[in-house]
Amino acid sequence: MDKALSIELEKQFRTLKNVHNAHVDFDQQGEVIAIGVFSDGGRHPKEIKRDVEETFRNLAGYRVNHTKISIVEQSFNSNVVSEDRRVRFLTAYQVQKQNGVIEGFVQLEHNEQIIIESIEAHQFEMELEYIIANATANAIMRIIPEYSIRIDQVKELSMGQVSVIVVTLTVIHRPSGAGSMFVGTVVKAKDLLSSVAKATLDALNRRMDTMI
């Protein structure tokens, strides 16, 4: 029954506005493990999540825990960011220091210049994935100093046969105070740190034309 319900849910989710794909996983007890929904970025993730919750309730007969739902934004805009404004990922790594301190390093390239940023934290203060995501954000803020970037969530999401790293972040335009939430995704590679940095960069790279 769960398989049939999963198929029908996925079918209905794909009919939602600005949604192009979806995946639903149940455990052996029939409990929802995760709902992953891919959007084209045309609507705010909160609006899509509300539609997903309502669709689930109508089909399954009960409300799903909203924390089980992940909205993955993918842009299919034909406008390509010019090469001189695109930020390129080089490497991400960690250094174990004394007293349990971890320093996460990220190297990016922009306009043929190498940008290196690092974040230090104890593991009980900040998980390694967040250290790398914040180091990536700090490196990007050196390119777009009029904006501040706050990492909201770093999450690994199972989508069928692959795992996807999803990074949600909030960007604030310092002069105006206007803010927006962006989502970046990348298929998880063996190097988790690189995947996190690339997902963080993915959230912003296609928007660099409007920020620089």
Protein backbone atom coordinates (compact mmCIF):
# COMPACT_ATOMS: atom_id res chain seq x y z
CA MET A 1 0.00 0.00 0.00
CA ASP A 2 2.81 2.40 0.90
CA LYS A 3 4.39 1.87 -2.52
CA ALA A 4 1.11 2.68 -4.26
CA LEU A 5 0.62 5.72 -2.04
CA SER A 6 4.20 6.84 -2.70
CA ILE A 7 3.69 6.61 -6.46
CA GLU A 8 0.43 8.55 -6.32
CA LEU A 9 1.92 11.22 -4.05
CA GLU A 10 4.88 11.69 -6.37
CA LYS A 11 2.50 11.95 -9.33
CA GLN A 12 0.40 14.61 -7.62
CA PHE A 13 3.40 16.57 -6.34
CA ARG A 14 4.67 16.86 -9.92
CA THR A 15 1.42 18.61 -10.87
CA LEU A 16 2.02 21.41 -8.36
CA LYS A 17 2.97 24.80 -9.72
CA ASN A 18 6.74 25.22 -10.29
CA VAL A 19 7.44 21.58 -9.32
CA HIS A 20 9.11 19.33 -11.90
CA ASN A 21 10.00 16.24 -9.85
CA ALA A 22 9.41 14.63 -6.47
CA HIS A 23 10.35 11.58 -4.43
CA VAL A 24 8.65 10.07 -1.35
CA ASP A 25 10.23 7.46 0.96
CA PHE A 26 8.38 5.37 3.57
CA ASP A 27 9.98 3.04 6.13
CA GLN A 28 8.81 -0.54 6.77
CA GLN A 29 6.33 0.70 9.38
CA GLY A 30 4.68 3.00 6.87
CA GLU A 31 6.14 6.17 8.37
CA VAL A 32 7.39 8.90 6.09
CA ILE A 33 11.19 9.06 5.99
CA ALA A 34 11.54 11.99 3.62
CA ILE A 35 9.74 13.90 0.90
CA GLY A 36 12.01 15.58 -1.63
CA VAL A 37 10.50 18.06 -4.07
CA PHE A 38 12.42 19.69 -6.92
CA SER A 39 11.22 23.15 -7.95
CA ASP A 40 12.27 25.45 -10.77
CA GLY A 41 12.85 28.35 -8.37
CA GLY A 42 9.80 30.25 -9.56
CA ARG A 43 8.05 30.23 -6.19
CA HIS A 44 9.16 30.58 -2.57
CA PRO A 45 9.94 27.17 -0.98
CA LYS A 46 7.49 27.90 1.87
CA GLU A 47 4.61 28.22 -0.60
CA ILE A 48 5.51 24.94 -2.28
CA LYS A 49 5.88 23.22 1.09
CA ARG A 50 2.35 24.30 2.05
CA ASP A 51 1.02 22.84 -1.21
CA VAL A 52 2.91 19.59 -0.54
CA GLU A 53 1.49 19.35 3.00
CA GLU A 54 -2.06 19.90 1.75
CA THR A 55 -1.69 17.40 -1.09
CA PHE A 56 -0.29 14.82 1.32
CA ARG A 57 -3.18 15.34 3.76
CA ASN A 58 -5.76 14.95 0.99
CA LEU A 59 -4.24 11.70 -0.30
CA ALA A 60 -2.93 10.07 2.88
CA GLY A 61 -5.60 11.29 5.26
CA TYR A 62 -3.23 12.77 7.83
CA ARG A 63 -0.73 15.61 8.14
CA VAL A 64 2.91 14.87 7.52
CA ASN A 65 5.60 16.37 9.76
CA HIS A 66 6.77 19.45 7.86
CA THR A 67 10.41 18.72 8.82
CA LYS A 68 10.25 15.63 6.56
CA ILE A 69 9.73 17.85 3.50
CA SER A 70 12.70 19.29 1.61
CA ILE A 71 12.31 21.70 -1.29
CA VAL A 72 15.25 21.55 -3.69
CA GLU A 73 15.46 24.56 -5.98
CA GLN A 74 16.95 24.06 -9.43
CA SER A 75 17.16 26.88 -11.92
CA PHE A 76 16.55 26.15 -15.60
CA ASN A 77 17.00 29.76 -16.64
CA SER A 78 18.69 29.92 -20.03
CA ASN A 79 20.59 33.03 -18.98
CA VAL A 80 24.15 31.96 -18.31
CA VAL A 81 26.31 33.84 -15.83
CA SER A 82 29.21 35.43 -17.68
CA GLU A 83 32.52 33.71 -17.08
CA ASP A 84 34.13 36.79 -15.53
CA ARG A 85 31.47 36.78 -12.81
CA ARG A 86 31.27 33.06 -12.16
CA VAL A 87 32.96 31.84 -9.00
CA ARG A 88 34.82 28.56 -9.40
CA PHE A 89 35.32 26.02 -6.62
CA LEU A 90 38.89 24.82 -6.11
CA THR A 91 39.12 22.84 -2.87
CA ALA A 92 37.79 22.38 0.65
CA TYR A 93 39.54 20.64 3.52
CA GLN A 94 39.85 20.56 7.32
CA VAL A 95 42.75 20.84 9.74
CA GLN A 96 42.53 19.31 13.22
CA LYS A 97 44.04 21.72 15.75
CA GLN A 98 44.71 21.57 19.47
CA ASN A 99 41.96 21.30 22.10
CA GLY A 100 39.50 19.78 19.65
CA VAL A 101 39.36 22.82 17.39
CA ILE A 102 38.66 22.20 13.71
CA GLU A 103 39.58 24.72 11.02
CA GLY A 104 37.76 24.37 7.73
CA PHE A 105 39.36 25.86 4.61
CA VAL A 106 37.75 26.72 1.28
CA GLN A 107 39.48 27.97 -1.85
CA LEU A 108 37.56 29.66 -4.65
CA GLU A 109 38.64 31.41 -7.84
CA HIS A 110 37.14 34.60 -9.24
CA ASN A 111 38.55 36.74 -12.04
CA GLU A 112 41.75 34.66 -11.95
CA GLN A 113 42.25 35.49 -8.26
CA ILE A 114 42.40 32.80 -5.57
CA ILE A 115 40.22 33.47 -2.52
CA ILE A 116 40.97 31.48 0.64
CA GLU A 117 38.75 31.60 3.71
CA SER A 118 38.65 29.53 6.87
CA ILE A 119 36.46 29.09 9.95
CA GLU A 120 37.60 27.75 13.32
CA ALA A 121 35.22 26.07 15.76
CA HIS A 122 34.92 23.23 18.23
CA GLN A 123 32.80 20.34 17.00
CA PHE A 124 30.33 20.92 19.83
CA GLU A 125 29.93 24.51 18.61
CA MET A 126 29.47 23.84 14.91
CA GLU A 127 29.32 20.68 12.80
CA LEU A 128 32.01 20.29 10.14
CA GLU A 129 29.51 20.72 7.30
CA TYR A 130 28.45 24.10 8.71
CA ILE A 131 32.08 25.14 9.17
CA ILE A 132 32.74 24.52 5.46
CA ALA A 133 29.48 26.16 4.36
CA ASN A 134 30.27 29.27 6.42
CA ALA A 135 33.83 29.40 5.11
CA THR A 136 32.42 29.29 1.57
CA ALA A 137 29.95 32.06 2.42
CA ASN A 138 32.75 34.22 3.86
CA ALA A 139 34.80 33.75 0.69
CA ILE A 140 31.83 34.81 -1.45
CA MET A 141 31.21 37.87 0.73
CA ARG A 142 34.69 39.08 -0.20
CA ILE A 143 33.45 39.18 -3.81
CA ILE A 144 30.08 40.78 -2.99
CA PRO A 145 30.84 42.93 0.11
CA GLU A 146 27.47 44.70 -0.05
CA TYR A 147 25.78 41.43 0.92
CA SER A 148 25.85 39.36 4.09
CA ILE A 149 25.25 35.61 3.89
CA ARG A 150 23.84 33.47 6.69
CA ILE A 151 23.88 29.68 6.43
CA ASP A 152 20.51 28.38 7.59
CA GLN A 153 20.69 24.64 6.99
CA VAL A 154 22.99 21.98 5.57
CA LYS A 155 21.21 18.71 4.90
CA GLU A 156 21.79 15.41 3.16
CA LEU A 157 18.68 14.24 1.33
CA SER A 158 18.05 10.84 -0.21
CA MET A 159 16.58 11.20 -3.70
CA GLY A 160 15.99 7.75 -5.17
CA GLN A 161 19.36 6.12 -5.79
CA VAL A 162 21.50 9.16 -4.97
CA SER A 163 22.16 11.43 -2.02
CA VAL A 164 21.90 15.17 -2.48
CA ILE A 165 23.56 17.86 -0.34
CA VAL A 166 21.17 20.77 0.15
CA VAL A 167 22.26 24.13 1.56
CA THR A 168 19.73 26.84 2.39
CA LEU A 169 21.00 30.32 3.10
CA THR A 170 19.75 33.85 3.59
CA VAL A 171 21.31 36.76 1.70
CA ILE A 172 20.88 40.31 3.04
CA HIS A 173 21.63 43.41 0.97
CA ARG A 174 23.39 45.58 3.57
CA PRO A 175 22.43 49.05 2.24
CA SER A 176 18.71 48.29 1.87
CA GLY A 177 18.22 45.52 4.40
CA ALA A 178 16.34 43.45 1.80
CA GLY A 179 16.77 39.73 2.18
CA SER A 180 16.12 36.54 0.21
CA MET A 181 16.45 32.83 0.92
CA PHE A 182 18.30 30.72 -1.65
CA VAL A 183 18.82 26.98 -1.99
CA GLY A 184 21.82 25.23 -3.51
CA THR A 185 22.12 21.53 -4.33
CA VAL A 186 24.71 19.08 -5.56
CA VAL A 187 24.80 15.30 -5.82
CA LYS A 188 26.92 14.07 -2.92
CA ALA A 189 30.39 12.92 -3.89
CA LYS A 190 32.85 10.87 -1.83
CA ASP A 191 34.39 14.14 -0.65
CA LEU A 192 31.64 15.51 1.62
CA LEU A 193 33.42 18.83 2.26
CA SER A 194 33.70 19.59 -1.44
CA SER A 195 30.04 18.69 -1.90
CA VAL A 196 28.99 21.11 0.86
CA ALA A 197 31.10 23.93 -0.58
CA LYS A 198 29.76 23.31 -4.10
CA ALA A 199 26.15 23.28 -2.88
CA THR A 200 26.73 26.58 -1.07
CA LEU A 201 28.26 28.05 -4.20
CA ASP A 202 25.41 26.67 -6.33
CA ALA A 203 22.91 28.72 -4.31
CA LEU A 204 24.61 31.94 -5.37
CA ASN A 205 26.63 31.46 -8.55
CA ARG A 206 23.73 31.81 -10.98
CA ARG A 207 22.75 35.07 -9.27
CA MET A 208 26.19 36.71 -9.26
CA ASP A 209 25.32 38.85 -12.28
CA THR A 210 22.82 40.79 -10.15
CA MET A 211 25.07 41.08 -7.09
CA ILE A 212 28.42 42.19 -8.46
